[in-house]
Amino acid sequence: DNSNIARIEGNNESATVYGVKEGCTKVRLTVQTTSGETLTHSSVISIYTPATDATGYVSSKATFYRGADSNSWIRSENVPVGQRASVLGSCSNYLYLSMPDDYEFDDGRSARTTYALKSKMHVNVNSIDISESSLSLEKNNSRNLTTSVTPSIATNKKINYSSSNTNVATVDSNGKVTGKNEGYIKITGRSESEGRTDSCNFSVYSKLNDVEANLSIS
């Protein structure tokens, strides 16, 4: 139905479906019988981007679907808040989920996978990573920290930063570090969600012009 999401190559006895981008569409089969009848059948195809080691929970009352579309068959209605799930991937406005063995679907099918709207789910932050572990910063100058969040589909990616000594350097809410006085400090980033942390050590120095020195070895 939508070749921007999935395209098909082949006809007759075999065909291959290729995922183009995240989303949901239908693949339709049409058969002309020898008696002149036209038979049709359709299958929902959801194209997702895989996620690794991602987990989450239902943040507001949700519905589970067989495909990434609210018109898809419902697997469970009124899924309770707090229900946990493994997150297999992202599919446009939906998440592709794997449910624990003890979860009972309304439709009675044994398959453990399902789809839910992202707006109804919270994806946990597993870890954060500040791009540098140690940096040098000239007094009265500033430098921006770059921090990545894993998984990339985490619901809340906000990072809060703090300085171990604000007399040496300060850091704002965007990770901009400003050197105040000579010294050695640690800047720590903490994810607002799940409280994951990482840090970067800063050496703040005063610049000297045209100074020569000898290395003394004892």
Protein backbone atom coordinates (compact mmCIF):
# COMPACT_ATOMS: atom_id res chain seq x y z
CA ASP A 1 0.00 0.00 0.00
CA ASN A 2 2.92 2.38 0.64
CA SER A 3 6.14 1.83 -1.30
CA ASN A 4 7.84 4.56 0.76
CA ILE A 5 7.73 2.14 3.72
CA ALA A 6 8.12 -1.23 2.00
CA ARG A 7 8.56 -2.33 -1.62
CA ILE A 8 8.05 -5.72 -3.24
CA GLU A 9 10.06 -7.47 -5.92
CA GLY A 10 8.73 -10.59 -7.61
CA ASN A 11 5.40 -12.11 -8.58
CA ASN A 12 3.61 -15.41 -8.99
CA GLU A 13 5.17 -18.08 -6.75
CA SER A 14 7.60 -15.90 -4.79
CA ALA A 15 8.22 -12.29 -3.85
CA THR A 16 10.58 -10.42 -1.55
CA VAL A 17 9.54 -7.55 0.71
CA TYR A 18 12.19 -4.88 1.36
CA GLY A 19 11.90 -2.47 4.30
CA VAL A 20 12.52 1.13 3.20
CA LYS A 21 11.85 3.15 6.35
CA GLU A 22 10.12 2.86 9.72
CA GLY A 23 6.36 2.56 9.49
CA CYS A 24 3.46 0.22 8.84
CA THR A 25 1.77 -0.78 5.59
CA LYS A 26 -0.05 -3.73 4.05
CA VAL A 27 1.16 -6.23 1.47
CA ARG A 28 -1.71 -7.40 -0.72
CA LEU A 29 -1.89 -10.63 -2.71
CA THR A 30 -4.30 -10.91 -5.62
CA VAL A 31 -4.92 -14.23 -7.39
CA GLN A 32 -6.93 -14.84 -10.53
CA THR A 33 -8.37 -18.37 -10.47
CA THR A 34 -8.90 -20.51 -13.56
CA SER A 35 -12.65 -20.11 -13.03
CA GLY A 36 -12.37 -16.34 -13.34
CA GLU A 37 -12.61 -15.46 -9.65
CA THR A 38 -10.39 -12.83 -8.01
CA LEU A 39 -9.11 -13.76 -4.56
CA THR A 40 -7.30 -11.30 -2.29
CA HIS A 41 -5.41 -11.49 0.97
CA SER A 42 -3.45 -8.86 2.91
CA SER A 43 -0.75 -8.94 5.56
CA VAL A 44 0.37 -6.12 7.85
CA ILE A 45 4.08 -5.30 7.49
CA SER A 46 5.78 -3.19 10.17
CA ILE A 47 9.28 -1.91 9.37
CA TYR A 48 11.37 -1.16 12.45
CA THR A 49 14.88 -0.05 13.40
CA PRO A 50 16.42 -2.58 15.84
CA ALA A 51 17.35 -1.54 19.38
CA THR A 52 19.98 -3.33 21.47
CA ASP A 53 19.57 -4.12 25.18
CA ALA A 54 16.67 -1.68 25.53
CA THR A 55 14.01 -2.03 28.20
CA GLY A 56 11.02 0.01 29.27
CA TYR A 57 7.62 0.08 30.88
CA VAL A 58 4.09 1.28 30.18
CA SER A 59 3.88 4.91 31.41
CA SER A 60 0.14 5.42 30.79
CA LYS A 61 -2.70 3.01 30.07
CA ALA A 62 -1.87 1.47 26.68
CA THR A 63 -3.11 -0.85 23.94
CA PHE A 64 -0.93 -3.52 22.35
CA TYR A 65 -1.31 -4.10 18.60
CA ARG A 66 -0.18 -6.82 16.17
CA GLY A 67 1.27 -4.12 13.90
CA ALA A 68 2.48 -0.55 14.24
CA ASP A 69 -0.92 0.91 13.43
CA SER A 70 -3.96 1.66 15.60
CA ASN A 71 -6.11 0.00 12.92
CA SER A 72 -4.16 -3.22 13.35
CA TRP A 73 -5.66 -6.12 15.30
CA ILE A 74 -5.53 -5.54 19.04
CA ARG A 75 -3.49 -7.95 21.13
CA SER A 76 -4.30 -6.40 24.53
CA GLU A 77 -6.50 -3.53 25.66
CA ASN A 78 -6.01 -1.46 28.80
CA VAL A 79 -2.45 -2.63 29.47
CA PRO A 80 -1.67 -1.56 33.05
CA VAL A 81 0.73 1.25 33.90
CA GLY A 82 4.09 -0.10 35.02
CA GLN A 83 4.00 -3.22 32.85
CA ARG A 84 7.60 -3.95 31.83
CA ALA A 85 8.81 -4.99 28.39
CA SER A 86 11.95 -5.51 26.33
CA VAL A 87 12.20 -2.98 23.50
CA LEU A 88 13.19 -4.62 20.22
CA GLY A 89 13.03 -1.55 18.02
CA SER A 90 11.53 1.73 16.87
CA CYS A 91 8.76 1.82 14.27
CA SER A 92 7.77 5.44 13.55
CA ASN A 93 5.33 6.41 16.33
CA TYR A 94 5.42 2.90 17.81
CA LEU A 95 7.79 0.65 19.72
CA TYR A 96 8.29 -3.01 18.86
CA LEU A 97 8.15 -4.93 22.13
CA SER A 98 8.80 -8.39 23.51
CA MET A 99 6.72 -9.27 26.55
CA PRO A 100 7.77 -11.52 29.45
CA ASP A 101 6.51 -15.11 29.46
CA ASP A 102 4.01 -14.44 32.24
CA TYR A 103 2.20 -11.67 30.35
CA GLU A 104 -1.20 -12.80 29.04
CA PHE A 105 -2.43 -11.29 25.77
CA ASP A 106 -6.16 -10.85 25.22
CA ASP A 107 -6.00 -12.52 21.80
CA GLY A 108 -4.61 -15.79 23.20
CA ARG A 109 -1.81 -16.01 20.62
CA SER A 110 1.48 -17.46 21.83
CA ALA A 111 3.68 -14.88 20.07
CA ARG A 112 5.45 -12.67 22.63
CA THR A 113 5.98 -9.62 20.38
CA THR A 114 3.67 -6.65 20.01
CA TYR A 115 3.54 -2.91 19.23
CA ALA A 116 2.62 0.06 21.42
CA LEU A 117 2.55 3.82 20.89
CA LYS A 118 5.76 5.54 22.01
CA SER A 119 3.64 8.13 23.83
CA LYS A 120 2.38 5.34 26.12
CA MET A 121 5.83 3.91 26.92
CA HIS A 122 8.95 4.91 28.84
CA VAL A 123 12.27 3.60 27.47
CA ASN A 124 14.98 3.45 30.13
CA VAL A 125 18.42 5.05 29.88
CA ASN A 126 21.04 2.28 30.10
CA SER A 127 24.14 4.47 30.11
CA ILE A 128 25.55 7.86 29.17
CA ASP A 129 28.95 8.64 27.68
CA ILE A 130 30.81 11.95 27.79
CA SER A 131 32.96 12.08 24.65
CA GLU A 132 36.17 13.01 26.52
CA SER A 133 37.54 11.59 29.77
CA SER A 134 40.00 14.45 30.46
CA LEU A 135 40.50 17.94 29.02
CA SER A 136 42.60 21.05 29.55
CA LEU A 137 40.88 24.42 29.72
CA GLU A 138 42.39 27.88 29.80
CA LYS A 139 41.19 30.13 32.62
CA ASN A 140 38.23 32.33 31.60
CA ASN A 141 37.60 30.18 28.51
CA SER A 142 34.73 27.75 27.93
CA ARG A 143 34.26 24.36 26.34
CA ASN A 144 31.15 22.36 25.53
CA LEU A 145 30.81 18.72 26.53
CA THR A 146 29.14 16.23 24.20
CA THR A 147 27.22 13.44 25.91
CA SER A 148 25.52 10.52 24.19
CA VAL A 149 22.67 8.46 25.66
CA THR A 150 22.16 4.71 25.19
CA PRO A 151 19.81 3.54 23.86
CA SER A 152 19.23 6.35 21.38
CA ILE A 153 15.46 5.83 21.66
CA ALA A 154 15.43 6.49 25.42
CA THR A 155 12.39 8.54 26.38
CA ASN A 156 14.14 11.15 28.55
CA LYS A 157 17.63 12.11 27.35
CA LYS A 158 18.07 15.14 29.60
CA ILE A 159 21.48 15.31 31.32
CA ASN A 160 22.18 17.32 34.47
CA TYR A 161 25.78 18.44 35.04
CA SER A 162 27.71 19.34 38.18
CA SER A 163 31.23 20.54 39.06
CA SER A 164 33.25 19.12 41.94
CA ASN A 165 34.61 22.65 42.64
CA THR A 166 32.80 25.68 41.24
CA ASN A 167 35.73 27.92 42.28
CA VAL A 168 37.82 26.17 39.61
CA ALA A 169 35.17 25.68 36.91
CA THR A 170 31.41 25.91 36.49
CA VAL A 171 29.12 24.01 34.14
CA ASP A 172 25.68 25.01 32.86
CA SER A 173 22.65 22.89 32.00
CA ASN A 174 23.89 22.41 28.42
CA GLY A 175 27.30 21.03 29.43
CA LYS A 176 29.22 24.28 28.82
CA VAL A 177 32.26 24.32 31.15
CA THR A 178 33.89 27.65 32.05
CA GLY A 179 37.29 27.85 33.74
CA LYS A 180 37.44 30.20 36.74
CA ASN A 181 40.74 29.53 38.50
CA GLU A 182 43.72 27.23 38.16
CA GLY A 183 43.05 23.75 39.44
CA TYR A 184 41.87 20.23 38.74
CA ILE A 185 38.17 19.30 38.92
CA LYS A 186 35.67 16.71 37.79
CA ILE A 187 32.53 17.47 35.78
CA THR A 188 29.85 14.82 36.24
CA GLY A 189 26.87 14.24 33.99
CA ARG A 190 23.82 12.44 35.38
CA SER A 191 20.82 11.37 33.33
CA GLU A 192 17.56 12.74 34.70
CA SER A 193 16.03 9.35 33.93
CA GLU A 194 17.49 6.32 35.75
CA GLY A 195 20.40 8.41 37.15
CA ARG A 196 23.18 7.05 34.90
CA THR A 197 26.48 8.91 35.26
CA ASP A 198 29.76 9.64 33.50
CA SER A 199 32.48 12.21 34.18
CA CYS A 200 35.26 14.25 32.61
CA ASN A 201 38.33 15.60 34.43
CA PHE A 202 39.34 19.20 33.71
CA SER A 203 42.71 20.86 34.26
CA VAL A 204 42.24 24.65 34.32
CA TYR A 205 45.43 26.62 33.63
CA SER A 206 46.59 30.21 33.18
CA LYS A 207 48.25 30.89 29.87
CA LEU A 208 51.89 32.05 29.91
CA ASN A 209 53.53 33.83 26.97
CA ASP A 210 57.14 33.32 25.80
CA VAL A 211 58.27 31.32 28.80
CA GLU A 212 61.10 28.81 28.53
CA ALA A 213 61.82 26.04 30.99
CA ASN A 214 64.20 23.14 31.49
CA LEU A 215 63.07 19.65 32.47
CA SER A 216 64.85 18.64 35.64
CA ILE A 217 65.24 14.90 36.17
CA SER A 218 66.18 13.68 39.65
